[in-house]
Amino acid sequence: MKKKMSTSTLVFSSLIVFSLSSSILLVMGKKTSVSVNVGVILDDLESVSSKVRLSCIESAISDFYSSRGNTQTRLVLSIRDSRGDVVDAAAAALDLIKNVQVQAILGPKSSMQTNFVIDLGGKARVPIISFSATSPSLTSLPSTYFFRAAQIDSSQVKAVGAIIKAFGWREAVPIYIDNEFGNGVLPYLIDALQIVEARVPYRSAISGSATDDQIEKELFKLMTMQTRVFIVHMPGPLGSRLFAKAQKLGMMNEGYVWIMTDGLSNILSSTNASVISSMQGALGVRTYVPKTKELVTFRER
């Protein structure tokens, strides 16, 4: 099945490049034939998601220059693969800054990778522009060279709280990936639940490298507790495994409540049927993007 990126990611990717192109144009003025090096750090360049992101970036550049034929500056992309690894992402950023001498870096993908790259960008005075790092903890980093063009995770906790309040549930257990992405939103989520007078008796942190047996062991622990309302905040690969195990243990049956944040909700359109089947009955929160004519045209491209 051909995978799709979330609409918000597609829009943000193009908006970033458009804004970057406009800023460079204003700074450079009308100097002739000025090449501006811009770095791009993606996860697994052969993956469908990275190919779509790169396609969006290239489309945005093409659109910008087609509407500004007299522009003398030209963005030159230098693309690096982080391989989904924090160290590789930092090494890629260092290479782009020192050897390529880029004027800005788009990416990397995850909040954990971005946390390291922000520091490098700040020291070199190179802007780091992220369209997918959503952890609220990144906002607290003291860097004037980090620009986030993605919706921050804490923006969805009120919606989760509203669901809890509407159904009158008095307790909920967050199940989240134990890294920057998962831990960053937790304080905001707990505050949102406290506002609607819902307790958090337990926090279930699961490592991104957890085995199926470890996931199953954690779910068994949750089954022994009285709370039956779970809020899942983790990326697709881990979330898919979690729900598969939950279904196997009968935790997707009547009597259990599962609420997914947009880390999982946004991938439903690109998830295979077996994973979708294991998630049947779960509620999902995701960003609403109005279906405008421009958006339809953009997605068709």
Protein backbone atom coordinates (compact mmCIF):
# COMPACT_ATOMS: atom_id res chain seq x y z
CA MET A 1 0.00 0.00 0.00
CA LYS A 2 1.33 3.41 -0.89
CA LYS A 3 1.97 5.41 2.25
CA LYS A 4 0.78 8.96 2.77
CA MET A 5 2.14 11.68 4.97
CA SER A 6 -0.21 13.64 7.22
CA THR A 7 -1.64 16.76 5.59
CA SER A 8 -0.16 19.05 8.22
CA THR A 9 3.34 17.64 7.59
CA LEU A 10 3.01 18.20 3.84
CA VAL A 11 1.83 21.77 4.29
CA PHE A 12 4.48 22.63 6.88
CA SER A 13 7.28 21.18 4.73
CA SER A 14 6.39 23.44 1.83
CA LEU A 15 5.70 26.46 4.03
CA ILE A 16 9.14 26.18 5.62
CA VAL A 17 10.95 26.23 2.28
CA PHE A 18 8.75 29.04 0.95
CA SER A 19 9.49 31.17 4.03
CA LEU A 20 13.19 30.33 3.89
CA SER A 21 13.36 31.27 0.21
CA SER A 22 11.58 34.56 0.88
CA SER A 23 13.92 35.42 3.76
CA ILE A 24 17.03 34.72 1.71
CA LEU A 25 15.65 36.80 -1.15
CA LEU A 26 15.18 39.79 1.14
CA VAL A 27 18.67 39.45 2.59
CA MET A 28 20.51 38.88 -0.68
CA GLY A 29 18.69 41.49 -2.70
CA LYS A 30 19.44 41.46 -6.42
CA LYS A 31 22.95 40.06 -6.50
CA THR A 32 23.50 37.86 -9.51
CA SER A 33 23.75 34.09 -9.41
CA VAL A 34 23.95 33.65 -5.67
CA SER A 35 23.84 30.02 -4.52
CA VAL A 36 22.57 29.44 -1.00
CA ASN A 37 23.41 26.08 0.58
CA VAL A 38 20.63 24.56 2.68
CA GLY A 39 20.99 21.26 4.51
CA VAL A 40 18.22 18.66 4.78
CA ILE A 41 18.38 15.83 7.34
CA LEU A 42 15.88 12.99 6.89
CA ASP A 43 15.43 9.48 8.30
CA ASP A 44 16.12 6.61 5.89
CA LEU A 45 16.22 8.29 2.49
CA GLU A 46 14.81 5.16 0.83
CA SER A 47 11.64 5.19 2.95
CA VAL A 48 8.35 6.40 1.48
CA SER A 49 7.94 9.08 4.16
CA SER A 50 11.36 10.63 3.46
CA LYS A 51 10.75 10.55 -0.29
CA VAL A 52 7.44 12.36 0.22
CA ARG A 53 9.04 14.97 2.47
CA LEU A 54 11.82 15.60 -0.03
CA SER A 55 9.28 15.82 -2.85
CA CYS A 56 7.36 18.48 -0.88
CA ILE A 57 10.54 20.49 -0.32
CA GLU A 58 11.47 20.34 -3.99
CA SER A 59 7.91 21.28 -5.02
CA ALA A 60 7.98 24.29 -2.70
CA ILE A 61 11.27 25.46 -4.19
CA SER A 62 9.91 25.01 -7.71
CA ASP A 63 6.72 26.94 -6.87
CA PHE A 64 8.72 29.76 -5.32
CA TYR A 65 10.99 30.28 -8.31
CA SER A 66 8.27 29.81 -10.92
CA SER A 67 6.41 32.76 -9.41
CA ARG A 68 9.58 34.85 -9.06
CA GLY A 69 11.41 34.49 -12.34
CA ASN A 70 13.74 37.44 -11.74
CA THR A 71 15.11 36.08 -8.48
CA GLN A 72 18.88 35.74 -8.64
CA THR A 73 19.35 33.50 -5.59
CA ARG A 74 19.15 29.73 -5.89
CA LEU A 75 18.71 27.28 -3.02
CA VAL A 76 21.07 24.32 -3.29
CA LEU A 77 19.99 21.34 -1.19
CA SER A 78 22.52 19.09 0.53
CA ILE A 79 20.70 15.99 1.77
CA ARG A 80 21.88 13.75 4.60
CA ASP A 81 20.48 10.54 6.10
CA SER A 82 20.26 10.33 9.91
CA ARG A 83 19.24 6.64 9.72
CA GLY A 84 16.86 7.31 12.59
CA ASP A 85 19.81 7.70 14.97
CA VAL A 86 20.62 10.61 17.30
CA VAL A 87 24.40 10.36 16.79
CA ASP A 88 24.07 10.10 13.00
CA ALA A 89 21.78 13.14 12.98
CA ALA A 90 24.32 15.17 14.96
CA ALA A 91 27.15 13.98 12.67
CA ALA A 92 25.12 14.95 9.60
CA ALA A 93 24.46 18.42 11.01
CA LEU A 94 28.14 18.89 11.85
CA ASP A 95 29.14 17.87 8.32
CA LEU A 96 26.63 20.28 6.78
CA ILE A 97 27.76 23.15 9.00
CA LYS A 98 31.52 22.66 8.76
CA ASN A 99 32.10 21.17 5.31
CA VAL A 100 29.16 22.36 3.23
CA GLN A 101 28.77 25.64 5.15
CA VAL A 102 25.00 25.65 4.88
CA GLN A 103 22.97 28.74 5.72
CA ALA A 104 20.18 26.71 7.35
CA ILE A 105 19.17 23.12 8.09
CA LEU A 106 15.72 21.59 7.57
CA GLY A 107 15.10 18.72 10.00
CA PRO A 108 15.92 16.35 11.52
CA LYS A 109 12.74 14.32 11.99
CA SER A 110 12.49 13.34 15.65
CA SER A 111 12.53 15.46 18.80
CA MET A 112 15.46 13.45 20.21
CA GLN A 113 17.60 14.13 17.14
CA THR A 114 16.57 17.77 17.04
CA ASN A 115 17.56 18.25 20.69
CA PHE A 116 21.21 17.56 19.79
CA VAL A 117 21.21 19.42 16.48
CA ILE A 118 19.77 22.61 18.03
CA ASP A 119 22.90 22.99 20.15
CA LEU A 120 25.18 22.64 17.11
CA GLY A 121 23.13 25.16 15.15
CA GLY A 122 23.19 27.65 17.99
CA LYS A 123 26.98 27.51 18.34
CA ALA A 124 27.49 27.91 14.58
CA ARG A 125 24.66 30.47 14.23
CA VAL A 126 22.92 28.28 11.66
CA PRO A 127 19.10 28.19 11.88
CA ILE A 128 17.58 24.75 12.52
CA ILE A 129 14.06 24.58 11.07
CA SER A 130 11.99 21.55 12.04
CA PHE A 131 8.69 20.45 10.52
CA SER A 132 8.24 17.31 12.64
CA ALA A 133 9.89 17.70 16.07
CA THR A 134 6.84 18.19 18.27
CA SER A 135 8.06 17.74 21.86
CA PRO A 136 7.18 20.75 24.08
CA SER A 137 10.52 20.38 25.89
CA LEU A 138 12.35 21.75 22.84
CA THR A 139 10.68 25.12 23.37
CA SER A 140 12.53 25.59 26.65
CA LEU A 141 15.96 25.24 25.04
CA PRO A 142 17.84 28.58 25.10
CA SER A 143 18.43 28.91 21.35
CA THR A 144 17.47 31.77 19.06
CA TYR A 145 18.39 29.63 16.05
CA PHE A 146 15.66 27.00 16.42
CA PHE A 147 12.42 27.44 14.49
CA ARG A 148 9.56 24.98 14.83
CA ALA A 149 7.01 24.74 12.00
CA ALA A 150 5.11 21.83 13.49
CA GLN A 151 2.20 21.77 15.88
CA ILE A 152 3.53 21.25 19.39
CA ASP A 153 2.29 18.11 21.18
CA SER A 154 0.93 20.04 24.15
CA SER A 155 -1.66 21.65 21.84
CA GLN A 156 -3.70 18.43 21.81
CA VAL A 157 -3.90 17.74 25.55
CA LYS A 158 -6.97 19.94 26.02
CA ALA A 159 -8.80 17.87 23.41
CA VAL A 160 -7.84 14.69 25.27
CA GLY A 161 -9.01 16.23 28.53
CA ALA A 162 -12.30 17.23 26.91
CA ILE A 163 -12.92 13.61 25.85
CA ILE A 164 -12.21 12.38 29.38
CA LYS A 165 -14.57 14.99 30.83
CA ALA A 166 -17.35 14.33 28.30
CA PHE A 167 -17.54 10.65 29.23
CA GLY A 168 -17.12 11.28 32.94
CA TRP A 169 -14.04 9.09 33.38
CA ARG A 170 -12.29 9.73 36.70
CA GLU A 171 -8.93 8.06 36.03
CA ALA A 172 -6.60 7.58 33.07
CA VAL A 173 -3.18 6.04 32.54
CA PRO A 174 -0.78 7.55 29.97
CA ILE A 175 1.14 4.96 27.94
CA TYR A 176 4.04 6.67 26.20
CA ILE A 177 7.41 6.08 24.61
CA ASP A 178 10.23 6.69 27.07
CA ASN A 179 12.18 9.38 25.21
CA GLU A 180 12.07 13.11 24.42
CA PHE A 181 8.90 12.70 22.35
CA GLY A 182 6.99 10.89 25.08
CA ASN A 183 8.32 12.56 28.21
CA GLY A 184 8.00 16.08 26.82
CA VAL A 185 4.20 16.10 26.66
CA LEU A 186 3.57 14.28 29.95
CA PRO A 187 3.48 17.31 32.34
CA TYR A 188 1.01 19.09 30.03
CA LEU A 189 -1.18 15.98 29.73
CA ILE A 190 -1.32 15.48 33.49
CA ASP A 191 -2.22 19.16 34.00
CA ALA A 192 -5.03 18.83 31.44
CA LEU A 193 -6.39 15.77 33.24
CA GLN A 194 -6.23 17.48 36.61
CA ILE A 195 -8.29 20.37 35.23
CA VAL A 196 -11.10 17.92 34.40
CA GLU A 197 -10.63 16.21 37.80
CA ALA A 198 -9.23 12.97 36.43
CA ARG A 199 -6.50 11.16 38.38
CA VAL A 200 -3.34 9.61 36.94
CA PRO A 201 -2.66 6.62 39.23
CA TYR A 202 0.15 5.22 37.08
CA ARG A 203 2.41 6.23 34.20
CA SER A 204 3.40 3.54 31.72
CA ALA A 205 6.71 4.38 30.00
CA ILE A 206 7.78 1.92 27.29
CA SER A 207 11.21 1.97 25.66
CA GLY A 208 11.35 2.44 21.91
CA SER A 209 13.54 -0.68 21.78
CA ALA A 210 11.22 -2.78 23.96
CA THR A 211 10.72 -6.38 22.85
CA ASP A 212 7.27 -7.88 22.30
CA ASP A 213 7.65 -9.77 25.58
CA GLN A 214 8.43 -6.54 27.46
CA ILE A 215 5.39 -4.82 25.94
CA GLU A 216 3.22 -7.78 26.88
CA LYS A 217 4.57 -7.74 30.44
CA GLU A 218 3.66 -4.06 30.81
CA LEU A 219 0.16 -4.70 29.49
CA PHE A 220 -0.30 -7.54 31.98
CA LYS A 221 0.61 -5.07 34.72
CA LEU A 222 -2.02 -2.63 33.44
CA MET A 223 -4.62 -5.41 33.42
CA THR A 224 -4.15 -5.89 37.17
CA MET A 225 -5.07 -2.26 37.87
CA GLN A 226 -8.55 -0.82 38.27
CA THR A 227 -8.05 1.89 35.65
CA ARG A 228 -9.39 0.96 32.21
CA VAL A 229 -8.81 4.26 30.37
CA PHE A 230 -5.48 4.52 28.53
CA ILE A 231 -3.98 7.47 26.63
CA VAL A 232 -1.37 6.33 24.09
CA HIS A 233 1.32 8.80 23.00
CA MET A 234 3.99 7.16 20.86
CA PRO A 235 5.10 6.92 17.20
CA GLY A 236 3.60 4.48 14.74
CA PRO A 237 6.04 1.53 14.87
CA LEU A 238 5.85 1.14 18.65
CA GLY A 239 2.15 1.99 18.82
CA SER A 240 1.30 -0.65 16.22
CA ARG A 241 3.06 -3.32 18.26
CA LEU A 242 1.37 -2.15 21.45
CA PHE A 243 -2.13 -2.42 19.99
CA ALA A 244 -1.40 -5.81 18.44
CA LYS A 245 -0.45 -7.12 21.88
CA ALA A 246 -3.42 -5.40 23.54
CA GLN A 247 -5.77 -7.09 21.09
CA LYS A 248 -4.15 -10.46 21.71
CA LEU A 249 -4.68 -10.05 25.47
CA GLY A 250 -8.32 -9.03 25.06
CA MET A 251 -7.71 -5.43 26.10
CA MET A 252 -9.47 -4.05 23.02
CA ASN A 253 -12.75 -5.61 24.14
CA GLU A 254 -15.65 -3.89 25.89
CA GLY A 255 -14.67 -2.41 29.25
CA TYR A 256 -11.44 -0.80 28.04
CA VAL A 257 -10.98 2.71 26.63
CA TRP A 258 -8.07 3.69 24.37
CA ILE A 259 -7.32 7.26 23.28
CA MET A 260 -4.55 7.93 20.74
CA THR A 261 -2.73 11.22 20.25
CA ASP A 262 -1.86 12.35 16.73
CA GLY A 263 1.44 10.46 16.72
CA LEU A 264 -0.71 7.44 15.91
CA SER A 265 -3.85 9.05 14.50
CA ASN A 266 -1.90 10.71 11.69
CA ILE A 267 -0.61 7.40 10.31
CA LEU A 268 -3.94 5.58 10.07
CA SER A 269 -4.32 6.32 6.36
CA SER A 270 -0.98 4.63 5.64
CA THR A 271 -1.27 1.69 8.02
CA ASN A 272 -1.93 -1.86 6.85
CA ALA A 273 -5.25 -3.59 7.50
CA SER A 274 -4.02 -5.88 10.28
CA VAL A 275 -2.77 -2.94 12.36
CA ILE A 276 -5.99 -1.00 11.76
CA SER A 277 -7.94 -4.06 12.88
CA SER A 278 -6.04 -4.19 16.18
CA MET A 279 -6.92 -0.53 16.82
CA GLN A 280 -10.67 -0.93 16.27
CA GLY A 281 -12.59 0.90 19.00
CA ALA A 282 -9.81 3.35 19.90
CA LEU A 283 -10.46 7.10 19.85
CA GLY A 284 -7.97 9.33 18.06
CA VAL A 285 -7.05 13.01 18.26
CA ARG A 286 -5.59 14.71 15.22
CA THR A 287 -5.15 18.20 13.79
CA TYR A 288 -8.06 19.52 11.76
CA VAL A 289 -6.99 21.04 8.44
CA PRO A 290 -9.80 22.64 6.37
CA LYS A 291 -10.19 20.96 2.97
CA THR A 292 -9.60 23.95 0.72
CA LYS A 293 -9.22 23.90 -3.04
CA GLU A 294 -5.54 24.74 -2.67
CA LEU A 295 -5.00 21.84 -0.28
CA VAL A 296 -6.70 19.36 -2.61
CA THR A 297 -4.51 20.52 -5.51
CA PHE A 298 -1.40 20.29 -3.36
CA ARG A 299 -2.14 16.73 -2.23
CA GLU A 300 -2.88 15.61 -5.79
CA ARG A 301 0.58 16.75 -6.82
